[in-house]
Amino acid sequence: MSDSKPMYRTHQVWIKPGHRLFAYLDQACQNAKNLYNTTNFYSAPSQARYN
């Protein structure tokens, strides 16, 4: 078996504050960040702080 790591491609789009979708996308990014942080908080490795 190959021991290679997965490669990810990304695409970055900059939306200026004057764009009509800026508020919607800004809120969507904030929600995604909060979900990511909450998931990390409740994940198994973080449970070590309670021991």
PDB file of N, CA and C in Angstrom:
ATOM      1  N   MET A   1       0.829  -1.187   0.000  1.00  0.00           N
ATOM      2  CA  MET A   1       0.000   0.000   0.000  1.00  0.00           C
ATOM      3  C   MET A   1       0.871   1.246   0.000  1.00  0.00           C
ATOM      4  N   SER A   2       0.345   2.272  -0.585  1.00  0.00           N
ATOM      5  CA  SER A   2       1.034   3.551  -0.619  1.00  0.00           C
ATOM      6  C   SER A   2       0.805   4.306   0.689  1.00  0.00           C
ATOM      7  N   ASP A   3       1.843   4.979   1.148  1.00  0.00           N
ATOM      8  CA  ASP A   3       1.755   5.725   2.406  1.00  0.00           C
ATOM      9  C   ASP A   3       1.702   7.229   2.134  1.00  0.00           C
ATOM     10  N   SER A   4       1.091   7.606   1.011  1.00  0.00           N
ATOM     11  CA  SER A   4       1.055   9.017   0.639  1.00  0.00           C
ATOM     12  C   SER A   4      -0.062   9.751   1.368  1.00  0.00           C
ATOM     13  N   LYS A   5       0.156  11.038   1.581  1.00  0.00           N
ATOM     14  CA  LYS A   5      -0.842  11.879   2.238  1.00  0.00           C
ATOM     15  C   LYS A   5      -1.782  12.463   1.183  1.00  0.00           C
ATOM     16  N   PRO A   6      -3.037  12.712   1.557  1.00  0.00           N
ATOM     17  CA  PRO A   6      -3.975  13.285   0.583  1.00  0.00           C
ATOM     18  C   PRO A   6      -3.584  14.717   0.223  1.00  0.00           C
ATOM     19  N   MET A   7      -3.863  15.088  -1.011  1.00  0.00           N
ATOM     20  CA  MET A   7      -3.596  16.444  -1.465  1.00  0.00           C
ATOM     21  C   MET A   7      -4.937  17.153  -1.644  1.00  0.00           C
ATOM     22  N   TYR A   8      -5.023  18.369  -1.162  1.00  0.00           N
ATOM     23  CA  TYR A   8      -6.258  19.136  -1.249  1.00  0.00           C
ATOM     24  C   TYR A   8      -6.055  20.331  -2.161  1.00  0.00           C
ATOM     25  N   ARG A   9      -7.043  20.611  -2.975  1.00  0.00           N
ATOM     26  CA  ARG A   9      -7.033  21.815  -3.798  1.00  0.00           C
ATOM     27  C   ARG A   9      -8.020  22.798  -3.203  1.00  0.00           C
ATOM     28  N   THR A  10      -7.617  24.038  -3.170  1.00  0.00           N
ATOM     29  CA  THR A  10      -8.494  25.069  -2.627  1.00  0.00           C
ATOM     30  C   THR A  10      -8.629  26.206  -3.628  1.00  0.00           C
ATOM     31  N   HIS A  11      -9.668  26.968  -3.453  1.00  0.00           N
ATOM     32  CA  HIS A  11      -9.910  28.153  -4.284  1.00  0.00           C
ATOM     33  C   HIS A  11     -10.363  29.262  -3.358  1.00  0.00           C
ATOM     34  N   GLN A  12      -9.693  30.390  -3.437  1.00  0.00           N
ATOM     35  CA  GLN A  12     -10.005  31.500  -2.545  1.00  0.00           C
ATOM     36  C   GLN A  12     -10.658  32.622  -3.348  1.00  0.00           C
ATOM     37  N   VAL A  13     -11.768  33.112  -2.832  1.00  0.00           N
ATOM     38  CA  VAL A  13     -12.487  34.212  -3.473  1.00  0.00           C
ATOM     39  C   VAL A  13     -12.615  35.337  -2.457  1.00  0.00           C
ATOM     40  N   TRP A  14     -12.239  36.526  -2.846  1.00  0.00           N
ATOM     41  CA  TRP A  14     -12.334  37.690  -1.963  1.00  0.00           C
ATOM     42  C   TRP A  14     -13.605  38.456  -2.311  1.00  0.00           C
ATOM     43  N   ILE A  15     -14.464  38.644  -1.321  1.00  0.00           N
ATOM     44  CA  ILE A  15     -15.707  39.392  -1.490  1.00  0.00           C
ATOM     45  C   ILE A  15     -15.546  40.718  -0.744  1.00  0.00           C
ATOM     46  N   LYS A  16     -15.691  41.806  -1.446  1.00  0.00           N
ATOM     47  CA  LYS A  16     -15.533  43.124  -0.826  1.00  0.00           C
ATOM     48  C   LYS A  16     -16.783  43.482  -0.019  1.00  0.00           C
ATOM     49  N   PRO A  17     -16.600  44.325   1.017  1.00  0.00           N
ATOM     50  CA  PRO A  17     -17.741  44.694   1.860  1.00  0.00           C
ATOM     51  C   PRO A  17     -18.913  45.322   1.094  1.00  0.00           C
ATOM     52  N   GLY A  18     -18.696  45.909  -0.059  1.00  0.00           N
ATOM     53  CA  GLY A  18     -19.773  46.503  -0.827  1.00  0.00           C
ATOM     54  C   GLY A  18     -20.576  45.513  -1.660  1.00  0.00           C
ATOM     55  N   HIS A  19     -20.132  44.267  -1.734  1.00  0.00           N
ATOM     56  CA  HIS A  19     -20.810  43.250  -2.539  1.00  0.00           C
ATOM     57  C   HIS A  19     -22.138  42.868  -1.889  1.00  0.00           C
ATOM     58  N   ARG A  20     -23.140  42.563  -2.698  1.00  0.00           N
ATOM     59  CA  ARG A  20     -24.479  42.284  -2.162  1.00  0.00           C
ATOM     60  C   ARG A  20     -24.531  41.004  -1.335  1.00  0.00           C
ATOM     61  N   LEU A  21     -23.600  40.084  -1.540  1.00  0.00           N
ATOM     62  CA  LEU A  21     -23.598  38.842  -0.763  1.00  0.00           C
ATOM     63  C   LEU A  21     -22.640  38.885   0.433  1.00  0.00           C
ATOM     64  N   PHE A  22     -22.003  40.014   0.663  1.00  0.00           N
ATOM     65  CA  PHE A  22     -20.985  40.090   1.710  1.00  0.00           C
ATOM     66  C   PHE A  22     -21.546  39.722   3.084  1.00  0.00           C
ATOM     67  N   ALA A  23     -22.643  40.305   3.483  1.00  0.00           N
ATOM     68  CA  ALA A  23     -23.206  40.050   4.817  1.00  0.00           C
ATOM     69  C   ALA A  23     -23.576  38.572   4.988  1.00  0.00           C
ATOM     70  N   TYR A  24     -24.190  37.988   3.964  1.00  0.00           N
ATOM     71  CA  TYR A  24     -24.581  36.580   4.016  1.00  0.00           C
ATOM     72  C   TYR A  24     -23.362  35.674   4.144  1.00  0.00           C
ATOM     73  N   LEU A  25     -22.347  35.898   3.311  1.00  0.00           N
ATOM     74  CA  LEU A  25     -21.156  35.056   3.334  1.00  0.00           C
ATOM     75  C   LEU A  25     -20.323  35.279   4.589  1.00  0.00           C
ATOM     76  N   ASP A  26     -20.303  36.501   5.085  1.00  0.00           N
ATOM     77  CA  ASP A  26     -19.592  36.791   6.326  1.00  0.00           C
ATOM     78  C   ASP A  26     -20.218  36.008   7.475  1.00  0.00           C
ATOM     79  N   GLN A  27     -21.523  35.978   7.547  1.00  0.00           N
ATOM     80  CA  GLN A  27     -22.223  35.229   8.596  1.00  0.00           C
ATOM     81  C   GLN A  27     -22.013  33.726   8.417  1.00  0.00           C
ATOM     82  N   ALA A  28     -22.021  33.234   7.176  1.00  0.00           N
ATOM     83  CA  ALA A  28     -21.795  31.811   6.916  1.00  0.00           C
ATOM     84  C   ALA A  28     -20.394  31.391   7.360  1.00  0.00           C
ATOM     85  N   CYS A  29     -19.406  32.232   7.108  1.00  0.00           N
ATOM     86  CA  CYS A  29     -18.037  31.928   7.540  1.00  0.00           C
ATOM     87  C   CYS A  29     -17.927  31.947   9.057  1.00  0.00           C
ATOM     88  N   GLN A  30     -18.566  32.879   9.690  1.00  0.00           N
ATOM     89  CA  GLN A  30     -18.564  32.956  11.161  1.00  0.00           C
ATOM     90  C   GLN A  30     -19.208  31.699  11.754  1.00  0.00           C
ATOM     91  N   ASN A  31     -20.324  31.261  11.180  1.00  0.00           N
ATOM     92  CA  ASN A  31     -20.996  30.054  11.658  1.00  0.00           C
ATOM     93  C   ASN A  31     -20.121  28.815  11.466  1.00  0.00           C
ATOM     94  N   ALA A  32     -19.422  28.731  10.322  1.00  0.00           N
ATOM     95  CA  ALA A  32     -18.538  27.598  10.055  1.00  0.00           C
ATOM     96  C   ALA A  32     -17.388  27.575  11.055  1.00  0.00           C
ATOM     97  N   LYS A  33     -16.818  28.735  11.358  1.00  0.00           N
ATOM     98  CA  LYS A  33     -15.733  28.815  12.324  1.00  0.00           C
ATOM     99  C   LYS A  33     -16.214  28.395  13.710  1.00  0.00           C
ATOM    100  N   ASN A  34     -17.404  28.848  14.111  1.00  0.00           N
ATOM    101  CA  ASN A  34     -17.950  28.479  15.418  1.00  0.00           C
ATOM    102  C   ASN A  34     -18.226  26.983  15.510  1.00  0.00           C
ATOM    103  N   LEU A  35     -18.746  26.391  14.452  1.00  0.00           N
ATOM    104  CA  LEU A  35     -19.000  24.953  14.432  1.00  0.00           C
ATOM    105  C   LEU A  35     -17.693  24.175  14.545  1.00  0.00           C
ATOM    106  N   TYR A  36     -16.673  24.611  13.829  1.00  0.00           N
ATOM    107  CA  TYR A  36     -15.357  23.969  13.889  1.00  0.00           C
ATOM    108  C   TYR A  36     -14.787  24.028  15.310  1.00  0.00           C
ATOM    109  N   ASN A  37     -14.853  25.196  15.928  1.00  0.00           N
ATOM    110  CA  ASN A  37     -14.318  25.361  17.281  1.00  0.00           C
ATOM    111  C   ASN A  37     -15.113  24.560  18.314  1.00  0.00           C
ATOM    112  N   THR A  38     -16.427  24.524  18.164  1.00  0.00           N
ATOM    113  CA  THR A  38     -17.253  23.745  19.085  1.00  0.00           C
ATOM    114  C   THR A  38     -16.944  22.258  18.963  1.00  0.00           C
ATOM    115  N   THR A  39     -16.772  21.788  17.736  1.00  0.00           N
ATOM    116  CA  THR A  39     -16.433  20.385  17.505  1.00  0.00           C
ATOM    117  C   THR A  39     -15.103  20.048  18.146  1.00  0.00           C
ATOM    118  N   ASN A  40     -14.111  20.917  17.998  1.00  0.00           N
ATOM    119  CA  ASN A  40     -12.810  20.679  18.625  1.00  0.00           C
ATOM    120  C   ASN A  40     -12.916  20.691  20.147  1.00  0.00           C
ATOM    121  N   PHE A  41     -13.745  21.533  20.679  1.00  0.00           N
ATOM    122  CA  PHE A  41     -13.912  21.620  22.135  1.00  0.00           C
ATOM    123  C   PHE A  41     -14.448  20.312  22.698  1.00  0.00           C
ATOM    124  N   TYR A  42     -15.406  19.708  22.012  1.00  0.00           N
ATOM    125  CA  TYR A  42     -16.037  18.491  22.504  1.00  0.00           C
ATOM    126  C   TYR A  42     -15.361  17.206  22.003  1.00  0.00           C
ATOM    127  N   SER A  43     -14.295  17.311  21.244  1.00  0.00           N
ATOM    128  CA  SER A  43     -13.633  16.119  20.711  1.00  0.00           C
ATOM    129  C   SER A  43     -12.850  15.398  21.810  1.00  0.00           C
ATOM    130  N   ALA A  44     -12.508  14.163  21.590  1.00  0.00           N
ATOM    131  CA  ALA A  44     -11.851  13.318  22.592  1.00  0.00           C
ATOM    132  C   ALA A  44     -10.522  13.897  23.095  1.00  0.00           C
ATOM    133  N   PRO A  45      -9.620  14.376  22.245  1.00  0.00           N
ATOM    134  CA  PRO A  45      -8.352  14.892  22.776  1.00  0.00           C
ATOM    135  C   PRO A  45      -8.530  16.025  23.763  1.00  0.00           C
ATOM    136  N   SER A  46      -9.549  16.838  23.596  1.00  0.00           N
ATOM    137  CA  SER A  46      -9.744  17.955  24.508  1.00  0.00           C
ATOM    138  C   SER A  46     -10.294  17.512  25.862  1.00  0.00           C
ATOM    139  N   GLN A  47     -10.771  16.279  25.941  1.00  0.00           N
ATOM    140  CA  GLN A  47     -11.310  15.782  27.201  1.00  0.00           C
ATOM    141  C   GLN A  47     -10.213  15.559  28.240  1.00  0.00           C
ATOM    142  N   ALA A  48      -8.956  15.559  27.831  1.00  0.00           N
ATOM    143  CA  ALA A  48      -7.833  15.349  28.750  1.00  0.00           C
ATOM    144  C   ALA A  48      -7.778  16.458  29.806  1.00  0.00           C
ATOM    145  N   ARG A  49      -8.306  17.628  29.517  1.00  0.00           N
ATOM    146  CA  ARG A  49      -8.242  18.728  30.481  1.00  0.00           C
ATOM    147  C   ARG A  49      -9.115  18.457  31.698  1.00  0.00           C
ATOM    148  N   TYR A  50     -10.042  17.475  31.617  1.00  0.00           N
ATOM    149  CA  TYR A  50     -10.908  17.160  32.745  1.00  0.00           C
ATOM    150  C   TYR A  50     -10.301  16.094  33.661  1.00  0.00           C
ATOM    151  N   ASN A  51      -9.181  15.529  33.273  1.00  0.00           N
ATOM    152  CA  ASN A  51      -8.550  14.469  34.086  1.00  0.00           C
ATOM    153  C   ASN A  51      -7.621  15.051  35.102  1.00  0.00           C
TER     154      ASN A  51
END
